[in-house]
Amino acid sequence: MKGLILSGGKGTRLRPITHTNAKQLIPIANKPILFYGIETLRDAGIIDIGIVVGDTAKEIQAAVGDGSKFGVHVTYIPQEAPLGLAHAVLISEKFIGDNKFVMYLGDNLIKEGIHGLVKKFVSVPPSGAQILLAHVPNPRQFGVAKLEGEKVVELIEKPEIPPSDLALVGVYMFTPKIFEAVKNIVPSKRNELEITDAIQYLIDHKFDVIPHIISGWWKDTGKLDDLLEANCLILNSVTSDIKGEVSGDTKITGNVVIEKGAKVLGSTLCGPLVIGTGSVIKNSYIGPDTSIYFSVNIESSEIERSIVLENSKIVNIHKLVDSLIGQNVELIKQMNASSNYRIMVGDSSKMELV
């Protein structure tokens, strides 16, 4: 069985960060989102993985390499434009061949993994597909499934009147019949080949499409709030691991990870949180659900429930909350203040707050 990870989207909902950074490489708990997907497939026994890439191909390739550091083999599949999930399937036919495969959206996170589902799919495969579903409060924003017993009978993309609250999760398991389906659908109104249309083709042509409703949490990290929530969820599973330098006047509570090469001086850390290698935290408060990536400098500031990317500098900021700070950013306040800030700052920016 093979794996197919889609990593070619432009990430428009996370701009300005994604003007210069692939959304799949934004770190969650200091690990790029894409890496979680690769590890999920690997842990399910899938080591031959194709990654569909677009404009950020060079960045993705530089981060992932040939896959050997994950214990997998990676083949890159270029997509000339984001023409839909089904289009990504179509251009991957040569890589997939006659194999069953898992398609995994590169900006999704699933807590429970897919090992059991892959095992079931391989041992007793449906004639068409197995899809993952989750109960959501806002089904109008997703592809939604209508079920009859143990089968899916209809899929509707972003319906005005949803037939259920069961949304398509970004993980699909297909037989090669999906290629026939994709070749027999037409582009949607947004000029994309929709995966919901391809799966509906399988249903209409009497191929079994079996649902699995996931019980753990699932996150599509395409928006800031979802990204921050995913960061919180992952951080809540970490255990304390302090390998960096911590001064005697620093106070630490909760689960805190301080990577080797990081320094914390005269500060208060309230976990769960993680501080990356080469980062320096001085006279600051870092609160729960915060990820500080590598080589970040924070001084005389307060930060909570935020993600700060590499090589950034934050000085005299009170109080930064629910924020995503890009790489190589300088965020400096010249005077003390009592204001709270929520910011999403793109890469290589400089802000002086007065």
Protein backbone atom coordinates (compact mmCIF):
# COMPACT_ATOMS: atom_id res chain seq x y z
CA MET A 1 0.00 0.00 0.00
CA LYS A 2 1.23 3.49 -0.84
CA GLY A 3 0.72 6.91 0.66
CA LEU A 4 -0.08 10.21 -1.04
CA ILE A 5 0.33 13.48 0.86
CA LEU A 6 -1.04 16.66 -0.68
CA SER A 7 1.23 19.61 0.02
CA GLY A 8 0.66 21.93 -2.91
CA GLY A 9 -1.89 24.44 -1.61
CA LYS A 10 -1.14 28.15 -1.40
CA GLY A 11 -2.46 28.60 2.17
CA THR A 12 -4.34 31.82 1.39
CA ARG A 13 -6.17 31.74 4.75
CA LEU A 14 -2.84 32.07 6.59
CA ARG A 15 -1.43 35.02 4.68
CA PRO A 16 0.83 36.95 5.13
CA ILE A 17 2.76 34.03 6.71
CA THR A 18 2.27 31.83 3.64
CA HIS A 19 3.48 34.45 1.17
CA THR A 20 6.99 33.27 2.08
CA ASN A 21 6.47 30.00 3.96
CA ALA A 22 4.70 26.77 2.99
CA LYS A 23 1.70 26.35 5.29
CA GLN A 24 2.55 22.67 5.74
CA LEU A 25 5.89 23.66 7.29
CA ILE A 26 4.46 25.93 9.97
CA PRO A 27 5.51 24.24 13.22
CA ILE A 28 3.03 22.79 15.69
CA ALA A 29 4.76 22.22 19.04
CA ASN A 30 8.01 22.96 17.14
CA LYS A 31 7.48 20.27 14.50
CA PRO A 32 6.29 21.16 10.97
CA ILE A 33 2.69 20.10 10.33
CA LEU A 34 3.75 18.04 7.31
CA PHE A 35 6.04 15.89 9.45
CA TYR A 36 3.08 14.68 11.52
CA GLY A 37 1.42 13.39 8.35
CA ILE A 38 4.54 11.57 7.20
CA GLU A 39 4.92 9.97 10.62
CA THR A 40 1.24 8.99 10.70
CA LEU A 41 1.61 7.09 7.42
CA ARG A 42 4.89 5.53 8.53
CA ASP A 43 3.38 4.38 11.82
CA ALA A 44 0.59 2.72 9.82
CA GLY A 45 3.21 0.70 7.92
CA ILE A 46 3.25 2.84 4.76
CA ILE A 47 6.80 3.72 3.73
CA ASP A 48 6.42 4.46 -0.01
CA ILE A 49 5.02 7.99 -0.04
CA GLY A 50 4.34 10.47 -2.82
CA ILE A 51 4.12 14.16 -1.94
CA VAL A 52 2.22 16.43 -4.33
CA VAL A 53 3.94 19.82 -4.38
CA GLY A 54 3.25 23.19 -5.97
CA ASP A 55 4.84 26.65 -5.73
CA THR A 56 6.63 25.78 -2.48
CA ALA A 57 8.18 22.57 -3.86
CA LYS A 58 11.79 23.57 -3.16
CA GLU A 59 10.97 24.45 0.44
CA ILE A 60 9.11 21.17 1.00
CA GLN A 61 11.93 19.15 -0.59
CA ALA A 62 14.58 20.90 1.50
CA ALA A 63 12.68 20.10 4.71
CA VAL A 64 11.71 16.49 3.94
CA GLY A 65 14.56 15.33 1.69
CA ASP A 66 14.30 11.76 0.42
CA GLY A 67 12.32 10.72 3.50
CA SER A 68 15.11 8.62 5.02
CA LYS A 69 15.17 10.60 8.27
CA PHE A 70 11.57 9.47 8.79
CA GLY A 71 12.20 5.89 7.72
CA VAL A 72 10.27 6.26 4.46
CA HIS A 73 10.96 6.79 0.76
CA VAL A 74 9.53 9.98 -0.76
CA THR A 75 8.69 10.70 -4.41
CA TYR A 76 7.78 14.29 -5.33
CA ILE A 77 4.89 14.84 -7.74
CA PRO A 78 4.65 18.39 -9.17
CA GLN A 79 1.23 19.98 -9.64
CA GLU A 80 1.28 22.95 -12.00
CA ALA A 81 -1.63 24.67 -10.22
CA PRO A 82 -4.00 23.91 -7.32
CA LEU A 83 -6.73 22.40 -9.50
CA GLY A 84 -8.44 20.34 -6.82
CA LEU A 85 -7.84 17.29 -4.67
CA ALA A 86 -9.08 14.96 -7.38
CA HIS A 87 -6.63 16.54 -9.82
CA ALA A 88 -3.84 15.72 -7.37
CA VAL A 89 -5.02 12.10 -7.43
CA LEU A 90 -5.08 12.09 -11.23
CA ILE A 91 -1.49 13.31 -11.65
CA SER A 92 -0.35 10.68 -9.14
CA GLU A 93 -1.65 7.69 -11.11
CA LYS A 94 1.80 6.71 -12.41
CA PHE A 95 3.20 6.72 -8.87
CA ILE A 96 0.28 4.78 -7.38
CA GLY A 97 -0.05 2.22 -10.19
CA ASP A 98 -2.33 -0.70 -9.26
CA ASN A 99 -1.86 -0.22 -5.52
CA LYS A 100 -4.36 0.73 -2.89
CA PHE A 101 -3.37 4.00 -1.23
CA VAL A 102 -4.03 6.47 1.54
CA MET A 103 -4.45 10.12 0.57
CA TYR A 104 -3.57 12.46 3.42
CA LEU A 105 -3.96 16.25 3.31
CA GLY A 106 -0.67 17.74 4.44
CA ASP A 107 -2.18 20.36 6.76
CA ASN A 108 -4.35 17.90 8.76
CA LEU A 109 -3.71 16.41 12.19
CA ILE A 110 -5.45 13.32 13.60
CA LYS A 111 -4.79 12.31 17.18
CA GLU A 112 -5.72 8.63 17.00
CA GLY A 113 -3.62 7.76 13.94
CA ILE A 114 -4.75 5.44 11.15
CA HIS A 115 -2.91 2.16 11.80
CA GLY A 116 -6.07 0.18 12.58
CA LEU A 117 -7.96 1.65 9.64
CA VAL A 118 -5.18 0.84 7.19
CA LYS A 119 -5.00 -2.73 8.51
CA LYS A 120 -8.75 -3.13 8.03
CA PHE A 121 -8.65 -1.57 4.57
CA VAL A 122 -5.89 -3.92 3.42
CA SER A 123 -7.46 -7.07 4.86
CA VAL A 124 -11.07 -6.46 3.74
CA PRO A 125 -10.98 -3.63 1.19
CA PRO A 126 -14.24 -2.10 -0.05
CA SER A 127 -14.71 -2.03 -3.81
CA GLY A 128 -14.36 1.76 -3.87
CA ALA A 129 -13.08 3.66 -0.86
CA GLN A 130 -12.99 4.12 2.88
CA ILE A 131 -13.39 7.68 4.13
CA LEU A 132 -12.93 9.29 7.52
CA LEU A 133 -15.67 11.47 8.97
CA ALA A 134 -15.98 13.64 12.06
CA HIS A 135 -18.90 15.34 13.79
CA VAL A 136 -18.51 19.11 13.38
CA PRO A 137 -20.55 22.09 14.61
CA ASN A 138 -20.32 23.91 11.26
CA PRO A 139 -20.91 21.33 8.48
CA ARG A 140 -21.68 24.01 5.88
CA GLN A 141 -17.94 24.70 5.69
CA PHE A 142 -17.03 21.12 4.70
CA GLY A 143 -17.80 18.25 2.41
CA VAL A 144 -20.64 16.46 4.21
CA ALA A 145 -21.68 12.79 4.08
CA LYS A 146 -25.15 11.26 4.15
CA LEU A 147 -25.15 7.71 5.49
CA GLU A 148 -27.48 4.75 5.21
CA GLY A 149 -26.38 2.08 7.61
CA GLU A 150 -22.72 1.22 7.03
CA LYS A 151 -22.43 2.94 3.66
CA VAL A 152 -22.10 6.45 2.32
CA VAL A 153 -24.90 7.26 -0.13
CA GLU A 154 -24.19 10.92 -0.87
CA LEU A 155 -21.46 13.55 -0.49
CA ILE A 156 -22.18 17.26 -0.78
CA GLU A 157 -19.51 19.97 -0.88
CA LYS A 158 -20.31 22.87 1.48
CA PRO A 159 -24.11 22.31 1.46
CA GLU A 160 -26.57 25.09 2.30
CA ILE A 161 -28.73 22.51 4.10
CA PRO A 162 -26.39 19.77 5.39
CA PRO A 163 -27.87 16.24 5.49
CA SER A 164 -25.78 15.51 8.61
CA ASP A 165 -23.04 16.96 10.79
CA LEU A 166 -20.50 14.45 9.46
CA ALA A 167 -17.67 16.24 7.66
CA LEU A 168 -15.00 14.68 5.49
CA VAL A 169 -11.70 14.47 7.33
CA GLY A 170 -8.59 15.00 5.21
CA VAL A 171 -7.71 11.29 5.06
CA TYR A 172 -9.02 8.94 2.36
CA MET A 173 -8.29 5.31 1.50
CA PHE A 174 -8.76 4.39 -2.15
CA THR A 175 -8.60 1.45 -4.48
CA PRO A 176 -7.34 2.17 -8.03
CA LYS A 177 -11.00 2.58 -9.07
CA ILE A 178 -10.67 6.19 -7.99
CA PHE A 179 -8.71 6.93 -11.17
CA GLU A 180 -11.69 5.86 -13.28
CA ALA A 181 -13.85 8.15 -11.18
CA VAL A 182 -11.59 11.19 -11.54
CA LYS A 183 -11.41 10.73 -15.32
CA ASN A 184 -15.20 10.84 -15.53
CA ILE A 185 -15.95 14.00 -13.58
CA VAL A 186 -15.83 17.61 -14.73
CA PRO A 187 -14.44 20.70 -12.98
CA SER A 188 -16.67 22.41 -10.45
CA LYS A 189 -17.75 26.05 -10.50
CA ARG A 190 -14.40 26.99 -8.98
CA ASN A 191 -12.66 25.15 -11.85
CA GLU A 192 -11.38 22.34 -9.66
CA LEU A 193 -11.76 18.59 -9.82
CA GLU A 194 -13.49 17.90 -6.51
CA ILE A 195 -12.72 14.75 -4.55
CA THR A 196 -16.33 14.72 -3.35
CA ASP A 197 -17.48 14.41 -6.98
CA ALA A 198 -15.04 11.57 -7.59
CA ILE A 199 -16.24 9.67 -4.53
CA GLN A 200 -19.85 10.33 -5.53
CA TYR A 201 -19.04 8.75 -8.89
CA LEU A 202 -17.95 5.60 -7.05
CA ILE A 203 -21.20 5.61 -5.07
CA ASP A 204 -23.34 6.15 -8.17
CA HIS A 205 -21.60 3.28 -9.96
CA LYS A 206 -22.25 0.84 -7.09
CA PHE A 207 -18.76 0.79 -5.61
CA ASP A 208 -18.82 0.55 -1.83
CA VAL A 209 -17.73 3.66 0.07
CA ILE A 210 -17.35 2.78 3.74
CA PRO A 211 -17.31 5.47 6.46
CA HIS A 212 -15.31 5.56 9.65
CA ILE A 213 -16.28 8.18 12.23
CA ILE A 214 -13.21 9.19 14.21
CA SER A 215 -13.50 9.44 17.98
CA GLY A 216 -10.43 11.55 18.77
CA TRP A 217 -9.72 15.11 17.77
CA TRP A 218 -8.99 16.18 14.22
CA LYS A 219 -7.76 19.53 12.99
CA ASP A 220 -7.54 21.14 9.57
CA THR A 221 -4.89 23.78 10.28
CA GLY A 222 -5.74 26.08 7.41
CA LYS A 223 -6.82 29.02 9.60
CA LEU A 224 -5.11 30.86 12.46
CA ASP A 225 -7.54 29.79 15.19
CA ASP A 226 -7.35 26.13 14.12
CA LEU A 227 -3.56 26.33 13.97
CA LEU A 228 -3.38 27.71 17.50
CA GLU A 229 -5.85 25.10 18.77
CA ALA A 230 -3.85 22.30 17.17
CA ASN A 231 -0.74 23.69 18.87
CA CYS A 232 -2.58 23.56 22.21
CA LEU A 233 -3.75 19.99 21.64
CA ILE A 234 -0.28 18.70 20.78
CA LEU A 235 1.39 20.61 23.63
CA ASN A 236 -1.04 19.07 26.10
CA SER A 237 0.54 15.69 25.35
CA VAL A 238 4.18 16.71 25.99
CA THR A 239 6.14 15.85 29.11
CA SER A 240 8.81 18.03 30.69
CA ASP A 241 12.23 17.73 29.12
CA ILE A 242 14.76 20.42 30.04
CA LYS A 243 18.04 20.14 28.15
CA GLY A 244 18.87 23.82 27.76
CA GLU A 245 20.36 26.29 30.25
CA VAL A 246 18.00 27.63 32.94
CA SER A 247 19.04 30.24 35.52
CA GLY A 248 18.35 29.69 39.21
CA ASP A 249 15.88 32.59 39.39
CA THR A 250 13.66 31.15 36.66
CA LYS A 251 10.34 29.67 37.80
CA ILE A 252 8.87 26.69 35.94
CA THR A 253 5.43 25.12 36.37
CA GLY A 254 3.64 22.56 34.22
CA ASN A 255 5.15 20.53 31.39
CA VAL A 256 7.93 22.50 29.74
CA VAL A 257 10.31 21.43 26.97
CA ILE A 258 13.54 23.42 26.65
CA GLU A 259 15.66 22.08 23.82
CA LYS A 260 19.45 21.79 23.96
CA GLY A 261 21.16 25.09 23.23
CA ALA A 262 18.29 27.26 24.50
CA LYS A 263 18.74 29.66 27.44
CA VAL A 264 16.16 30.91 29.92
CA LEU A 265 17.22 33.71 32.27
CA GLY A 266 15.20 35.32 35.07
CA SER A 267 11.87 34.28 33.57
CA THR A 268 8.64 32.49 34.41
CA LEU A 269 7.54 29.54 32.31
CA CYS A 270 4.06 28.09 32.70
CA GLY A 271 3.53 24.99 30.57
CA PRO A 272 2.62 23.31 28.47
CA LEU A 273 5.11 25.01 26.18
CA VAL A 274 8.22 24.33 24.15
CA ILE A 275 11.32 26.47 23.54
CA GLY A 276 13.55 25.59 20.60
CA THR A 277 17.30 25.27 20.32
CA GLY A 278 19.28 28.51 20.18
CA SER A 279 16.44 30.60 21.62
CA VAL A 280 17.07 33.02 24.50
CA ILE A 281 14.29 34.01 26.91
CA LYS A 282 15.20 36.83 29.31
CA ASN A 283 13.13 38.51 32.04
CA SER A 284 9.93 37.30 30.40
CA TYR A 285 6.78 35.31 31.03
CA ILE A 286 5.98 32.50 28.59
CA GLY A 287 2.53 31.15 29.29
CA PRO A 288 0.61 27.99 28.42
CA ASP A 289 0.13 26.66 24.89
CA THR A 290 3.07 28.53 23.41
CA SER A 291 5.67 27.25 20.95
CA ILE A 292 8.92 29.17 20.51
CA TYR A 293 10.84 27.86 17.49
CA PHE A 294 14.63 27.94 17.12
CA SER A 295 16.94 30.99 17.50
CA VAL A 296 14.24 33.29 18.88
CA ASN A 297 15.09 36.13 21.28
CA ILE A 298 12.44 37.26 23.75
CA GLU A 299 13.16 39.94 26.35
CA SER A 300 10.94 41.68 28.93
CA SER A 301 7.79 40.35 27.30
CA GLU A 302 4.71 38.26 28.07
CA ILE A 303 3.44 35.67 25.60
CA GLU A 304 0.60 33.15 25.83
CA ARG A 305 -1.11 30.72 23.44
CA SER A 306 1.04 31.72 20.49
CA ILE A 307 3.51 30.40 17.92
CA VAL A 308 6.75 32.26 17.24
CA LEU A 309 8.80 31.17 14.24
CA GLU A 310 12.57 31.04 13.88
CA ASN A 311 15.04 33.92 14.15
CA SER A 312 12.48 36.39 15.50
CA LYS A 313 12.97 39.00 18.21
CA ILE A 314 10.33 40.23 20.66
CA VAL A 315 11.17 42.99 23.15
CA ASN A 316 9.01 44.85 25.72
CA ILE A 317 5.70 43.43 24.52
CA HIS A 318 2.89 43.14 27.06
CA LYS A 319 0.85 41.04 26.44
CA LEU A 320 1.02 38.95 23.25
CA VAL A 321 -1.79 36.39 23.00
CA ASP A 322 -3.34 34.10 20.34
CA SER A 323 -0.72 35.17 17.81
CA LEU A 324 1.39 33.74 15.00
CA ILE A 325 4.70 35.52 14.48
CA GLY A 326 6.61 34.75 11.26
CA GLN A 327 10.31 34.07 10.83
CA ASN A 328 12.92 36.87 11.03
CA VAL A 329 10.41 39.25 12.63
CA GLU A 330 11.33 42.09 14.98
CA LEU A 331 8.50 43.09 17.31
CA ILE A 332 9.67 45.85 19.64
CA LYS A 333 7.91 48.29 21.95
CA GLN A 334 9.86 51.34 23.03
CA MET A 335 7.77 52.03 26.16
CA ASN A 336 6.09 49.93 28.84
CA ALA A 337 2.39 49.41 28.22
CA SER A 338 -0.55 47.49 29.61
CA SER A 339 -2.20 46.70 26.30
CA ASN A 340 -2.85 43.19 25.02
CA TYR A 341 -1.93 42.30 21.44
CA ARG A 342 -3.11 39.68 19.00
CA ILE A 343 -0.93 39.66 15.90
CA MET A 344 -0.20 37.62 12.80
CA VAL A 345 3.00 39.04 11.36
CA GLY A 346 4.56 37.85 8.12
CA ASP A 347 8.22 36.92 7.64
CA SER A 348 11.02 39.51 7.76
CA SER A 349 8.75 42.21 9.21
CA LYS A 350 9.67 44.85 11.76
CA MET A 351 7.10 46.51 14.04
CA GLU A 352 7.71 49.19 16.65
CA LEU A 353 4.73 49.70 19.00
CA VAL A 354 4.59 53.05 20.77
